[in-house]
Amino acid sequence: MSKFYRYKLPPWLRQIIIVIEKCTLPLMVFQLIRTLLFPTSLDVFLSGILVGLFFAFYLDWI
C-alpha cells in the first residue's frame, strides 16, 4: 500500500489541504456543541464526518 505524500501535490492543492486541516478543529467543536443542544440526524452525521476528518489529519492519514 502506497503512502499518501502531500508534498508531491501541486502547491495550490497542498494549500487547500492545509486550510482544511486548520479549520477542522474549530468547526468540529462548534458542530459538537450544536449537536448536544439540537440533536438532529444531520448534526450527528456532520459531527461524525468532522471527527473522522480531524483524526485522519491528526494521525497523518491525509
PDB file of N, CA and C in Angstrom:
ATOM      1  N   MET A   1       0.846  -1.178   0.000  1.00  0.00           N
ATOM      2  CA  MET A   1       0.000   0.000   0.000  1.00  0.00           C
ATOM      3  C   MET A   1       0.889   1.237   0.000  1.00  0.00           C
ATOM      4  N   SER A   2       0.640   2.136  -0.900  1.00  0.00           N
ATOM      5  CA  SER A   2       1.481   3.325  -1.005  1.00  0.00           C
ATOM      6  C   SER A   2       1.005   4.405  -0.036  1.00  0.00           C
ATOM      7  N   LYS A   3       1.946   5.134   0.485  1.00  0.00           N
ATOM      8  CA  LYS A   3       1.632   6.217   1.424  1.00  0.00           C
ATOM      9  C   LYS A   3       1.267   7.453   0.619  1.00  0.00           C
ATOM     10  N   PHE A   4       0.348   8.230   1.159  1.00  0.00           N
ATOM     11  CA  PHE A   4      -0.094   9.470   0.527  1.00  0.00           C
ATOM     12  C   PHE A   4       0.881  10.578   0.915  1.00  0.00           C
ATOM     13  N   TYR A   5       1.596  11.140  -0.056  1.00  0.00           N
ATOM     14  CA  TYR A   5       2.540  12.213   0.201  1.00  0.00           C
ATOM     15  C   TYR A   5       1.938  13.526  -0.279  1.00  0.00           C
ATOM     16  N   ARG A   6       1.630  14.385   0.678  1.00  0.00           N
ATOM     17  CA  ARG A   6       1.008  15.652   0.281  1.00  0.00           C
ATOM     18  C   ARG A   6       2.001  16.579  -0.391  1.00  0.00           C
ATOM     19  N   TYR A   7       3.301  16.358  -0.234  1.00  0.00           N
ATOM     20  CA  TYR A   7       4.294  17.246  -0.842  1.00  0.00           C
ATOM     21  C   TYR A   7       4.498  16.974  -2.321  1.00  0.00           C
ATOM     22  N   LYS A   8       3.945  15.881  -2.839  1.00  0.00           N
ATOM     23  CA  LYS A   8       4.007  15.611  -4.271  1.00  0.00           C
ATOM     24  C   LYS A   8       2.861  16.298  -5.022  1.00  0.00           C
ATOM     25  N   LEU A   9       1.924  16.863  -4.282  1.00  0.00           N
ATOM     26  CA  LEU A   9       0.780  17.533  -4.900  1.00  0.00           C
ATOM     27  C   LEU A   9       1.171  18.925  -5.388  1.00  0.00           C
ATOM     28  N   PRO A  10       0.380  19.492  -6.283  1.00  0.00           N
ATOM     29  CA  PRO A  10       0.633  20.875  -6.713  1.00  0.00           C
ATOM     30  C   PRO A  10       0.478  21.831  -5.521  1.00  0.00           C
ATOM     31  N   PRO A  11       1.183  22.959  -5.561  1.00  0.00           N
ATOM     32  CA  PRO A  11       1.137  23.890  -4.419  1.00  0.00           C
ATOM     33  C   PRO A  11      -0.265  24.394  -4.088  1.00  0.00           C
ATOM     34  N   TRP A  12      -1.113  24.629  -5.072  1.00  0.00           N
ATOM     35  CA  TRP A  12      -2.451  25.131  -4.790  1.00  0.00           C
ATOM     36  C   TRP A  12      -3.293  24.089  -4.062  1.00  0.00           C
ATOM     37  N   LEU A  13      -3.133  22.813  -4.414  1.00  0.00           N
ATOM     38  CA  LEU A  13      -3.882  21.753  -3.752  1.00  0.00           C
ATOM     39  C   LEU A  13      -3.348  21.506  -2.340  1.00  0.00           C
ATOM     40  N   ARG A  14      -2.047  21.616  -2.171  1.00  0.00           N
ATOM     41  CA  ARG A  14      -1.437  21.487  -0.851  1.00  0.00           C
ATOM     42  C   ARG A  14      -1.937  22.594   0.080  1.00  0.00           C
ATOM     43  N   GLN A  15      -2.096  23.806  -0.450  1.00  0.00           N
ATOM     44  CA  GLN A  15      -2.592  24.926   0.344  1.00  0.00           C
ATOM     45  C   GLN A  15      -4.043  24.699   0.771  1.00  0.00           C
ATOM     46  N   ILE A  16      -4.850  24.129  -0.105  1.00  0.00           N
ATOM     47  CA  ILE A  16      -6.241  23.824   0.235  1.00  0.00           C
ATOM     48  C   ILE A  16      -6.300  22.790   1.358  1.00  0.00           C
ATOM     49  N   ILE A  17      -5.469  21.772   1.295  1.00  0.00           N
ATOM     50  CA  ILE A  17      -5.432  20.749   2.345  1.00  0.00           C
ATOM     51  C   ILE A  17      -4.997  21.359   3.670  1.00  0.00           C
ATOM     52  N   ILE A  18      -4.037  22.273   3.656  1.00  0.00           N
ATOM     53  CA  ILE A  18      -3.579  22.919   4.884  1.00  0.00           C
ATOM     54  C   ILE A  18      -4.689  23.764   5.495  1.00  0.00           C
ATOM     55  N   VAL A  19      -5.437  24.498   4.666  1.00  0.00           N
ATOM     56  CA  VAL A  19      -6.541  25.327   5.170  1.00  0.00           C
ATOM     57  C   VAL A  19      -7.631  24.445   5.776  1.00  0.00           C
ATOM     58  N   ILE A  20      -7.974  23.353   5.125  1.00  0.00           N
ATOM     59  CA  ILE A  20      -8.981  22.435   5.661  1.00  0.00           C
ATOM     60  C   ILE A  20      -8.506  21.839   6.984  1.00  0.00           C
ATOM     61  N   GLU A  21      -7.225  21.508   7.056  1.00  0.00           N
ATOM     62  CA  GLU A  21      -6.671  20.940   8.286  1.00  0.00           C
ATOM     63  C   GLU A  21      -6.760  21.929   9.448  1.00  0.00           C
ATOM     64  N   LYS A  22      -6.492  23.203   9.189  1.00  0.00           N
ATOM     65  CA  LYS A  22      -6.541  24.220  10.245  1.00  0.00           C
ATOM     66  C   LYS A  22      -7.968  24.549  10.663  1.00  0.00           C
ATOM     67  N   CYS A  23      -8.933  24.434   9.768  1.00  0.00           N
ATOM     68  CA  CYS A  23     -10.324  24.786  10.079  1.00  0.00           C
ATOM     69  C   CYS A  23     -11.105  23.634  10.696  1.00  0.00           C
ATOM     70  N   THR A  24     -10.580  22.422  10.669  1.00  0.00           N
ATOM     71  CA  THR A  24     -11.334  21.260  11.119  1.00  0.00           C
ATOM     72  C   THR A  24     -11.640  21.295  12.610  1.00  0.00           C
ATOM     73  N   LEU A  25     -10.680  21.640  13.452  1.00  0.00           N
ATOM     74  CA  LEU A  25     -10.906  21.632  14.905  1.00  0.00           C
ATOM     75  C   LEU A  25     -11.968  22.649  15.341  1.00  0.00           C
ATOM     76  N   PRO A  26     -11.899  23.925  14.935  1.00  0.00           N
ATOM     77  CA  PRO A  26     -12.970  24.848  15.348  1.00  0.00           C
ATOM     78  C   PRO A  26     -14.353  24.442  14.839  1.00  0.00           C
ATOM     79  N   LEU A  27     -14.419  23.958  13.602  1.00  0.00           N
ATOM     80  CA  LEU A  27     -15.708  23.502  13.075  1.00  0.00           C
ATOM     81  C   LEU A  27     -16.224  22.287  13.841  1.00  0.00           C
ATOM     82  N   MET A  28     -15.318  21.377  14.213  1.00  0.00           N
ATOM     83  CA  MET A  28     -15.714  20.188  14.950  1.00  0.00           C
ATOM     84  C   MET A  28     -16.258  20.558  16.324  1.00  0.00           C
ATOM     85  N   VAL A  29     -15.602  21.474  17.019  1.00  0.00           N
ATOM     86  CA  VAL A  29     -16.067  21.899  18.343  1.00  0.00           C
ATOM     87  C   VAL A  29     -17.434  22.559  18.225  1.00  0.00           C
ATOM     88  N   PHE A  30     -17.593  23.463  17.275  1.00  0.00           N
ATOM     89  CA  PHE A  30     -18.881  24.120  17.070  1.00  0.00           C
ATOM     90  C   PHE A  30     -19.976  23.106  16.758  1.00  0.00           C
ATOM     91  N   GLN A  31     -19.682  22.156  15.889  1.00  0.00           N
ATOM     92  CA  GLN A  31     -20.684  21.169  15.492  1.00  0.00           C
ATOM     93  C   GLN A  31     -21.033  20.240  16.643  1.00  0.00           C
ATOM     94  N   LEU A  32     -20.059  19.876  17.472  1.00  0.00           N
ATOM     95  CA  LEU A  32     -20.357  19.014  18.617  1.00  0.00           C
ATOM     96  C   LEU A  32     -21.235  19.736  19.641  1.00  0.00           C
ATOM     97  N   ILE A  33     -20.981  21.024  19.866  1.00  0.00           N
ATOM     98  CA  ILE A  33     -21.842  21.802  20.775  1.00  0.00           C
ATOM     99  C   ILE A  33     -23.243  21.916  20.199  1.00  0.00           C
ATOM    100  N   ARG A  34     -23.329  22.175  18.917  1.00  0.00           N
ATOM    101  CA  ARG A  34     -24.638  22.269  18.264  1.00  0.00           C
ATOM    102  C   ARG A  34     -25.375  20.936  18.329  1.00  0.00           C
ATOM    103  N   THR A  35     -24.652  19.824  18.173  1.00  0.00           N
ATOM    104  CA  THR A  35     -25.271  18.505  18.233  1.00  0.00           C
ATOM    105  C   THR A  35     -25.787  18.207  19.635  1.00  0.00           C
ATOM    106  N   LEU A  36     -25.063  18.652  20.664  1.00  0.00           N
ATOM    107  CA  LEU A  36     -25.533  18.442  22.030  1.00  0.00           C
ATOM    108  C   LEU A  36     -26.785  19.266  22.336  1.00  0.00           C
ATOM    109  N   LEU A  37     -26.885  20.471  21.755  1.00  0.00           N
ATOM    110  CA  LEU A  37     -28.028  21.334  22.030  1.00  0.00           C
ATOM    111  C   LEU A  37     -29.241  20.995  21.159  1.00  0.00           C
ATOM    112  N   PHE A  38     -29.021  20.750  19.881  1.00  0.00           N
ATOM    113  CA  PHE A  38     -30.108  20.471  18.938  1.00  0.00           C
ATOM    114  C   PHE A  38     -29.784  19.203  18.146  1.00  0.00           C
ATOM    115  N   PRO A  39     -29.974  18.036  18.739  1.00  0.00           N
ATOM    116  CA  PRO A  39     -29.562  16.805  18.048  1.00  0.00           C
ATOM    117  C   PRO A  39     -30.529  16.397  16.930  1.00  0.00           C
ATOM    118  N   THR A  40     -30.098  16.622  15.716  1.00  0.00           N
ATOM    119  CA  THR A  40     -30.847  16.129  14.558  1.00  0.00           C
ATOM    120  C   THR A  40     -29.966  15.111  13.837  1.00  0.00           C
ATOM    121  N   SER A  41     -30.555  14.404  12.911  1.00  0.00           N
ATOM    122  CA  SER A  41     -29.794  13.395  12.168  1.00  0.00           C
ATOM    123  C   SER A  41     -28.657  14.036  11.372  1.00  0.00           C
ATOM    124  N   LEU A  42     -28.920  15.179  10.783  1.00  0.00           N
ATOM    125  CA  LEU A  42     -27.896  15.864  10.000  1.00  0.00           C
ATOM    126  C   LEU A  42     -26.739  16.309  10.886  1.00  0.00           C
ATOM    127  N   ASP A  43     -27.041  16.819  12.090  1.00  0.00           N
ATOM    128  CA  ASP A  43     -25.982  17.250  13.003  1.00  0.00           C
ATOM    129  C   ASP A  43     -25.106  16.081  13.442  1.00  0.00           C
ATOM    130  N   VAL A  44     -25.718  14.956  13.735  1.00  0.00           N
ATOM    131  CA  VAL A  44     -24.951  13.774  14.138  1.00  0.00           C
ATOM    132  C   VAL A  44     -24.080  13.299  12.978  1.00  0.00           C
ATOM    133  N   PHE A  45     -24.631  13.316  11.773  1.00  0.00           N
ATOM    134  CA  PHE A  45     -23.878  12.903  10.589  1.00  0.00           C
ATOM    135  C   PHE A  45     -22.684  13.835  10.336  1.00  0.00           C
ATOM    136  N   LEU A  46     -22.910  15.152  10.411  1.00  0.00           N
ATOM    137  CA  LEU A  46     -21.823  16.116  10.208  1.00  0.00           C
ATOM    138  C   LEU A  46     -20.756  16.005  11.302  1.00  0.00           C
ATOM    139  N   SER A  47     -21.194  15.764  12.537  1.00  0.00           N
ATOM    140  CA  SER A  47     -20.240  15.599  13.635  1.00  0.00           C
ATOM    141  C   SER A  47     -19.351  14.383  13.392  1.00  0.00           C
ATOM    142  N   GLY A  48     -19.945  13.308  12.941  1.00  0.00           N
ATOM    143  CA  GLY A  48     -19.165  12.100  12.640  1.00  0.00           C
ATOM    144  C   GLY A  48     -18.149  12.330  11.542  1.00  0.00           C
ATOM    145  N   ILE A  49     -18.558  13.032  10.500  1.00  0.00           N
ATOM    146  CA  ILE A  49     -17.635  13.333   9.398  1.00  0.00           C
ATOM    147  C   ILE A  49     -16.491  14.220   9.875  1.00  0.00           C
ATOM    148  N   LEU A  50     -16.799  15.254  10.658  1.00  0.00           N
ATOM    149  CA  LEU A  50     -15.759  16.166  11.128  1.00  0.00           C
ATOM    150  C   LEU A  50     -14.801  15.486  12.110  1.00  0.00           C
ATOM    151  N   VAL A  51     -15.323  14.638  12.984  1.00  0.00           N
ATOM    152  CA  VAL A  51     -14.450  13.907  13.913  1.00  0.00           C
ATOM    153  C   VAL A  51     -13.545  12.954  13.131  1.00  0.00           C
ATOM    154  N   GLY A  52     -14.101  12.263  12.147  1.00  0.00           N
ATOM    155  CA  GLY A  52     -13.294  11.371  11.308  1.00  0.00           C
ATOM    156  C   GLY A  52     -12.227  12.121  10.528  1.00  0.00           C
ATOM    157  N   LEU A  53     -12.579  13.268   9.996  1.00  0.00           N
ATOM    158  CA  LEU A  53     -11.628  14.092   9.251  1.00  0.00           C
ATOM    159  C   LEU A  53     -10.529  14.619  10.167  1.00  0.00           C
ATOM    160  N   PHE A  54     -10.915  15.029  11.382  1.00  0.00           N
ATOM    161  CA  PHE A  54      -9.927  15.515  12.340  1.00  0.00           C
ATOM    162  C   PHE A  54      -8.921  14.418  12.696  1.00  0.00           C
ATOM    163  N   PHE A  55      -9.402  13.222  12.985  1.00  0.00           N
ATOM    164  CA  PHE A  55      -8.495  12.131  13.328  1.00  0.00           C
ATOM    165  C   PHE A  55      -7.654  11.693  12.136  1.00  0.00           C
ATOM    166  N   ALA A  56      -8.188  11.798  10.923  1.00  0.00           N
ATOM    167  CA  ALA A  56      -7.397  11.473   9.733  1.00  0.00           C
ATOM    168  C   ALA A  56      -6.221  12.442   9.599  1.00  0.00           C
ATOM    169  N   PHE A  57      -6.461  13.726   9.854  1.00  0.00           N
ATOM    170  CA  PHE A  57      -5.364  14.690   9.823  1.00  0.00           C
ATOM    171  C   PHE A  57      -4.414  14.489  10.994  1.00  0.00           C
ATOM    172  N   TYR A  58      -4.958  14.206  12.175  1.00  0.00           N
ATOM    173  CA  TYR A  58      -4.145  14.032  13.387  1.00  0.00           C
ATOM    174  C   TYR A  58      -3.212  12.825  13.257  1.00  0.00           C
ATOM    175  N   LEU A  59      -3.692  11.743  12.672  1.00  0.00           N
ATOM    176  CA  LEU A  59      -2.889  10.537  12.524  1.00  0.00           C
ATOM    177  C   LEU A  59      -2.096  10.508  11.217  1.00  0.00           C
ATOM    178  N   ASP A  60      -2.096  11.629  10.489  1.00  0.00           N
ATOM    179  CA  ASP A  60      -1.360  11.784   9.225  1.00  0.00           C
ATOM    180  C   ASP A  60      -1.789  10.772   8.155  1.00  0.00           C
ATOM    181  N   TRP A  61      -3.061  10.463   8.107  1.00  0.00           N
ATOM    182  CA  TRP A  61      -3.569   9.629   7.028  1.00  0.00           C
ATOM    183  C   TRP A  61      -3.784  10.463   5.786  1.00  0.00           C
ATOM    184  N   ILE A  62      -3.991  11.768   5.974  1.00  0.00           N
ATOM    185  CA  ILE A  62      -4.185  12.686   4.840  1.00  0.00           C
ATOM    186  C   ILE A  62      -3.041  13.668   4.864  1.00  0.00           C
TER     187      ILE A  62
END
